[in-house]
């Protein structure tokens, strides 16, 4: 599931959808981390990559 979330988040069309609420992908990661201790490190690495990445589509939405 984390691999699917990674592909969805880094898909160039991810931010083209209007997301006025918390993205489902972040909610799923929260559930995985709260239920599966052994996946904490992988989820953390995914979130770090996500928050450190630059997304041209997101910059367009902000403007």
PDB file of N, CA and C in Angstrom:
ATOM      1  N   UNK A   1       0.831  -1.191   0.000  1.00  0.00           N
ATOM      2  CA  UNK A   1       0.000   0.000   0.000  1.00  0.00           C
ATOM      3  C   UNK A   1       0.875   1.254   0.000  1.00  0.00           C
ATOM      4  N   UNK A   2       1.962   1.218   0.751  1.00  0.00           N
ATOM      5  CA  UNK A   2       2.846   2.390   0.760  1.00  0.00           C
ATOM      6  C   UNK A   2       3.444   2.649  -0.618  1.00  0.00           C
ATOM      7  N   UNK A   3       3.741   1.594  -1.341  1.00  0.00           N
ATOM      8  CA  UNK A   3       4.296   1.757  -2.689  1.00  0.00           C
ATOM      9  C   UNK A   3       3.258   2.399  -3.615  1.00  0.00           C
ATOM     10  N   UNK A   4       1.994   1.997  -3.487  1.00  0.00           N
ATOM     11  CA  UNK A   4       0.921   2.591  -4.289  1.00  0.00           C
ATOM     12  C   UNK A   4       0.773   4.077  -3.954  1.00  0.00           C
ATOM     13  N   UNK A   5       0.820   4.404  -2.673  1.00  0.00           N
ATOM     14  CA  UNK A   5       0.721   5.804  -2.256  1.00  0.00           C
ATOM     15  C   UNK A   5       1.883   6.603  -2.832  1.00  0.00           C
ATOM     16  N   UNK A   6       3.073   6.026  -2.810  1.00  0.00           N
ATOM     17  CA  UNK A   6       4.239   6.706  -3.371  1.00  0.00           C
ATOM     18  C   UNK A   6       4.036   7.007  -4.858  1.00  0.00           C
ATOM     19  N   UNK A   7       3.559   6.037  -5.608  1.00  0.00           N
ATOM     20  CA  UNK A   7       3.321   6.265  -7.033  1.00  0.00           C
ATOM     21  C   UNK A   7       2.244   7.319  -7.256  1.00  0.00           C
ATOM     22  N   UNK A   8       1.208   7.323  -6.453  1.00  0.00           N
ATOM     23  CA  UNK A   8       0.122   8.300  -6.601  1.00  0.00           C
ATOM     24  C   UNK A   8       0.595   9.713  -6.259  1.00  0.00           C
ATOM     25  N   UNK A   9       1.338   9.849  -5.172  1.00  0.00           N
ATOM     26  CA  UNK A   9       1.784  11.174  -4.740  1.00  0.00           C
ATOM     27  C   UNK A   9       2.754  11.782  -5.746  1.00  0.00           C
ATOM     28  N   UNK A  10       3.651  10.978  -6.279  1.00  0.00           N
ATOM     29  CA  UNK A  10       4.648  11.504  -7.204  1.00  0.00           C
ATOM     30  C   UNK A  10       4.188  11.467  -8.659  1.00  0.00           C
ATOM     31  N   UNK A  11       2.950  11.130  -8.894  1.00  0.00           N
ATOM     32  CA  UNK A  11       2.366  11.197 -10.230  1.00  0.00           C
ATOM     33  C   UNK A  11       2.195  12.672 -10.596  1.00  0.00           C
ATOM     34  N   UNK A  12       2.629  13.089 -11.787  1.00  0.00           N
ATOM     35  CA  UNK A  12       2.539  14.502 -12.163  1.00  0.00           C
ATOM     36  C   UNK A  12       1.122  15.078 -12.105  1.00  0.00           C
ATOM     37  N   UNK A  13       0.110  14.262 -12.242  1.00  0.00           N
ATOM     38  CA  UNK A  13      -1.261  14.781 -12.233  1.00  0.00           C
ATOM     39  C   UNK A  13      -1.889  14.781 -10.836  1.00  0.00           C
ATOM     40  N   UNK A  14      -1.120  14.459  -9.797  1.00  0.00           N
ATOM     41  CA  UNK A  14      -1.670  14.341  -8.440  1.00  0.00           C
ATOM     42  C   UNK A  14      -2.301  15.646  -7.959  1.00  0.00           C
ATOM     43  N   UNK A  15      -1.646  16.774  -8.190  1.00  0.00           N
ATOM     44  CA  UNK A  15      -2.146  18.048  -7.685  1.00  0.00           C
ATOM     45  C   UNK A  15      -3.124  18.729  -8.639  1.00  0.00           C
ATOM     46  N   UNK A  16      -3.430  18.100  -9.763  1.00  0.00           N
ATOM     47  CA  UNK A  16      -4.402  18.686 -10.679  1.00  0.00           C
ATOM     48  C   UNK A  16      -5.817  18.543 -10.153  1.00  0.00           C
ATOM     49  N   UNK A  17      -6.022  17.598  -9.237  1.00  0.00           N
ATOM     50  CA  UNK A  17      -7.337  17.417  -8.629  1.00  0.00           C
ATOM     51  C   UNK A  17      -7.521  18.447  -7.526  1.00  0.00           C
ATOM     52  N   UNK A  18      -8.712  18.974  -7.406  1.00  0.00           N
ATOM     53  CA  UNK A  18      -9.008  19.931  -6.348  1.00  0.00           C
ATOM     54  C   UNK A  18      -9.150  19.165  -5.037  1.00  0.00           C
ATOM     55  N   UNK A  19      -8.251  19.404  -4.112  1.00  0.00           N
ATOM     56  CA  UNK A  19      -8.281  18.701  -2.836  1.00  0.00           C
ATOM     57  C   UNK A  19      -8.439  19.718  -1.716  1.00  0.00           C
ATOM     58  N   UNK A  20      -9.676  20.018  -1.381  1.00  0.00           N
ATOM     59  CA  UNK A  20      -9.944  20.971  -0.329  1.00  0.00           C
ATOM     60  C   UNK A  20      -9.829  20.369   1.052  1.00  0.00           C
ATOM     61  N   UNK A  21      -9.749  19.052   1.140  1.00  0.00           N
ATOM     62  CA  UNK A  21      -9.655  18.372   2.427  1.00  0.00           C
ATOM     63  C   UNK A  21      -8.325  17.627   2.519  1.00  0.00           C
ATOM     64  N   UNK A  22      -8.113  16.969   3.630  1.00  0.00           N
ATOM     65  CA  UNK A  22      -6.895  16.174   3.796  1.00  0.00           C
ATOM     66  C   UNK A  22      -6.879  15.052   2.765  1.00  0.00           C
ATOM     67  N   UNK A  23      -5.798  14.938   1.995  1.00  0.00           N
ATOM     68  CA  UNK A  23      -5.729  13.873   0.991  1.00  0.00           C
ATOM     69  C   UNK A  23      -5.846  12.489   1.631  1.00  0.00           C
ATOM     70  N   UNK A  24      -6.580  11.634   0.976  1.00  0.00           N
ATOM     71  CA  UNK A  24      -6.803  10.276   1.460  1.00  0.00           C
ATOM     72  C   UNK A  24      -5.481   9.545   1.679  1.00  0.00           C
ATOM     73  N   UNK A  25      -4.486   9.839   0.862  1.00  0.00           N
ATOM     74  CA  UNK A  25      -3.205   9.153   0.978  1.00  0.00           C
ATOM     75  C   UNK A  25      -2.554   9.411   2.335  1.00  0.00           C
ATOM     76  N   UNK A  26      -2.665  10.635   2.839  1.00  0.00           N
ATOM     77  CA  UNK A  26      -2.088  10.938   4.149  1.00  0.00           C
ATOM     78  C   UNK A  26      -2.870  10.262   5.271  1.00  0.00           C
ATOM     79  N   UNK A  27      -4.165  10.141   5.107  1.00  0.00           N
ATOM     80  CA  UNK A  27      -4.993   9.452   6.102  1.00  0.00           C
ATOM     81  C   UNK A  27      -4.627   7.967   6.144  1.00  0.00           C
ATOM     82  N   UNK A  28      -4.407   7.370   4.968  1.00  0.00           N
ATOM     83  CA  UNK A  28      -4.029   5.953   4.913  1.00  0.00           C
ATOM     84  C   UNK A  28      -2.664   5.738   5.562  1.00  0.00           C
ATOM     85  N   UNK A  29      -1.716   6.633   5.299  1.00  0.00           N
ATOM     86  CA  UNK A  29      -0.401   6.517   5.936  1.00  0.00           C
ATOM     87  C   UNK A  29      -0.539   6.604   7.453  1.00  0.00           C
ATOM     88  N   UNK A  30      -1.383   7.490   7.931  1.00  0.00           N
ATOM     89  CA  UNK A  30      -1.616   7.616   9.372  1.00  0.00           C
ATOM     90  C   UNK A  30      -2.141   6.308   9.958  1.00  0.00           C
ATOM     91  N   UNK A  31      -3.074   5.681   9.277  1.00  0.00           N
ATOM     92  CA  UNK A  31      -3.626   4.405   9.746  1.00  0.00           C
ATOM     93  C   UNK A  31      -2.568   3.306   9.736  1.00  0.00           C
ATOM     94  N   UNK A  32      -1.779   3.244   8.675  1.00  0.00           N
ATOM     95  CA  UNK A  32      -0.733   2.223   8.577  1.00  0.00           C
ATOM     96  C   UNK A  32       0.256   2.374   9.728  1.00  0.00           C
ATOM     97  N   UNK A  33       0.680   3.603   9.983  1.00  0.00           N
ATOM     98  CA  UNK A  33       1.666   3.847  11.035  1.00  0.00           C
ATOM     99  C   UNK A  33       1.103   3.530  12.416  1.00  0.00           C
ATOM    100  N   UNK A  34      -0.162   3.805  12.627  1.00  0.00           N
ATOM    101  CA  UNK A  34      -0.729   3.539  13.949  1.00  0.00           C
ATOM    102  C   UNK A  34      -0.969   2.044  14.189  1.00  0.00           C
ATOM    103  N   UNK A  35      -1.055   1.251  13.127  1.00  0.00           N
ATOM    104  CA  UNK A  35      -1.334  -0.176  13.288  1.00  0.00           C
ATOM    105  C   UNK A  35      -0.133  -1.089  13.046  1.00  0.00           C
ATOM    106  N   UNK A  36       0.885  -0.606  12.344  1.00  0.00           N
ATOM    107  CA  UNK A  36       2.008  -1.463  11.951  1.00  0.00           C
ATOM    108  C   UNK A  36       3.339  -0.810  12.318  1.00  0.00           C
ATOM    109  N   UNK A  37       3.844  -1.187  13.465  1.00  0.00           N
ATOM    110  CA  UNK A  37       5.079  -0.600  13.974  1.00  0.00           C
ATOM    111  C   UNK A  37       6.251  -0.790  13.015  1.00  0.00           C
ATOM    112  N   UNK A  38       6.338  -1.929  12.368  1.00  0.00           N
ATOM    113  CA  UNK A  38       7.481  -2.219  11.502  1.00  0.00           C
ATOM    114  C   UNK A  38       7.512  -1.365  10.235  1.00  0.00           C
ATOM    115  N   UNK A  39       6.425  -0.703   9.917  1.00  0.00           N
ATOM    116  CA  UNK A  39       6.386   0.148   8.723  1.00  0.00           C
ATOM    117  C   UNK A  39       6.642   1.621   9.040  1.00  0.00           C
ATOM    118  N   UNK A  40       6.954   1.937  10.290  1.00  0.00           N
ATOM    119  CA  UNK A  40       7.207   3.334  10.661  1.00  0.00           C
ATOM    120  C   UNK A  40       8.331   3.945   9.835  1.00  0.00           C
ATOM    121  N   UNK A  41       9.443   3.250   9.701  1.00  0.00           N
ATOM    122  CA  UNK A  41      10.593   3.798   8.987  1.00  0.00           C
ATOM    123  C   UNK A  41      10.271   4.039   7.515  1.00  0.00           C
ATOM    124  N   UNK A  42       9.619   3.097   6.868  1.00  0.00           N
ATOM    125  CA  UNK A  42       9.273   3.268   5.449  1.00  0.00           C
ATOM    126  C   UNK A  42       8.287   4.416   5.262  1.00  0.00           C
ATOM    127  N   UNK A  43       7.311   4.522   6.141  1.00  0.00           N
ATOM    128  CA  UNK A  43       6.343   5.612   6.048  1.00  0.00           C
ATOM    129  C   UNK A  43       7.029   6.948   6.296  1.00  0.00           C
ATOM    130  N   UNK A  44       7.938   6.989   7.256  1.00  0.00           N
ATOM    131  CA  UNK A  44       8.679   8.216   7.540  1.00  0.00           C
ATOM    132  C   UNK A  44       9.497   8.651   6.331  1.00  0.00           C
ATOM    133  N   UNK A  45      10.206   7.713   5.718  1.00  0.00           N
ATOM    134  CA  UNK A  45      11.012   8.032   4.536  1.00  0.00           C
ATOM    135  C   UNK A  45      10.143   8.543   3.395  1.00  0.00           C
ATOM    136  N   UNK A  46       8.980   7.958   3.216  1.00  0.00           N
ATOM    137  CA  UNK A  46       8.057   8.413   2.177  1.00  0.00           C
ATOM    138  C   UNK A  46       7.586   9.836   2.460  1.00  0.00           C
ATOM    139  N   UNK A  47       7.222  10.114   3.699  1.00  0.00           N
ATOM    140  CA  UNK A  47       6.758  11.456   4.053  1.00  0.00           C
ATOM    141  C   UNK A  47       7.870  12.491   3.914  1.00  0.00           C
ATOM    142  N   UNK A  48       9.084  12.136   4.273  1.00  0.00           N
ATOM    143  CA  UNK A  48      10.214  13.055   4.109  1.00  0.00           C
ATOM    144  C   UNK A  48      10.415  13.375   2.636  1.00  0.00           C
ATOM    145  N   UNK A  49      10.408  12.350   1.791  1.00  0.00           N
ATOM    146  CA  UNK A  49      10.552  12.582   0.343  1.00  0.00           C
ATOM    147  C   UNK A  49       9.426  13.463  -0.182  1.00  0.00           C
ATOM    148  N   UNK A  50       8.205  13.224   0.298  1.00  0.00           N
ATOM    149  CA  UNK A  50       7.048  13.986  -0.154  1.00  0.00           C
ATOM    150  C   UNK A  50       7.169  15.458   0.229  1.00  0.00           C
ATOM    151  N   UNK A  51       7.523  15.731   1.476  1.00  0.00           N
ATOM    152  CA  UNK A  51       7.582  17.117   1.935  1.00  0.00           C
ATOM    153  C   UNK A  51       8.825  17.856   1.451  1.00  0.00           C
ATOM    154  N   UNK A  52       9.859  17.150   1.053  1.00  0.00           N
ATOM    155  CA  UNK A  52      11.051  17.794   0.517  1.00  0.00           C
ATOM    156  C   UNK A  52      10.996  17.965  -0.997  1.00  0.00           C
ATOM    157  N   UNK A  53      10.085  17.299  -1.654  1.00  0.00           N
ATOM    158  CA  UNK A  53       9.991  17.361  -3.117  1.00  0.00           C
ATOM    159  C   UNK A  53       9.371  18.684  -3.561  1.00  0.00           C
ATOM    160  N   UNK A  54       9.697  19.082  -4.769  1.00  0.00           N
ATOM    161  CA  UNK A  54       9.072  20.260  -5.368  1.00  0.00           C
ATOM    162  C   UNK A  54       8.110  19.782  -6.445  1.00  0.00           C
ATOM    163  N   UNK A  55       6.952  20.398  -6.475  1.00  0.00           N
ATOM    164  CA  UNK A  55       5.911  20.019  -7.418  1.00  0.00           C
ATOM    165  C   UNK A  55       5.483  21.255  -8.201  1.00  0.00           C
ATOM    166  N   UNK A  56       5.735  21.249  -9.501  1.00  0.00           N
ATOM    167  CA  UNK A  56       5.362  22.386 -10.340  1.00  0.00           C
ATOM    168  C   UNK A  56       3.853  22.593 -10.342  1.00  0.00           C
ATOM    169  N   UNK A  57       3.092  21.512 -10.301  1.00  0.00           N
ATOM    170  CA  UNK A  57       1.634  21.623 -10.315  1.00  0.00           C
ATOM    171  C   UNK A  57       1.121  22.303  -9.052  1.00  0.00           C
ATOM    172  N   UNK A  58       1.778  22.055  -7.933  1.00  0.00           N
ATOM    173  CA  UNK A  58       1.382  22.682  -6.676  1.00  0.00           C
ATOM    174  C   UNK A  58       1.671  24.175  -6.717  1.00  0.00           C
ATOM    175  N   UNK A  59       2.793  24.561  -7.302  1.00  0.00           N
ATOM    176  CA  UNK A  59       3.107  25.978  -7.439  1.00  0.00           C
ATOM    177  C   UNK A  59       2.059  26.687  -8.278  1.00  0.00           C
ATOM    178  N   UNK A  60       1.549  26.021  -9.298  1.00  0.00           N
ATOM    179  CA  UNK A  60       0.500  26.595 -10.136  1.00  0.00           C
ATOM    180  C   UNK A  60      -0.777  26.785  -9.341  1.00  0.00           C
ATOM    181  N   UNK A  61      -1.127  25.824  -8.494  1.00  0.00           N
ATOM    182  CA  UNK A  61      -2.333  25.939  -7.672  1.00  0.00           C
ATOM    183  C   UNK A  61      -2.224  27.071  -6.665  1.00  0.00           C
ATOM    184  N   UNK A  62      -1.038  27.290  -6.117  1.00  0.00           N
ATOM    185  CA  UNK A  62      -0.846  28.337  -5.115  1.00  0.00           C
ATOM    186  C   UNK A  62      -1.055  29.704  -5.739  1.00  0.00           C
ATOM    187  N   UNK A  63      -0.590  29.877  -6.966  1.00  0.00           N
ATOM    188  CA  UNK A  63      -0.736  31.175  -7.628  1.00  0.00           C
ATOM    189  C   UNK A  63      -2.141  31.292  -8.141  1.00  0.00           C
TER     190      UNK A  63
END
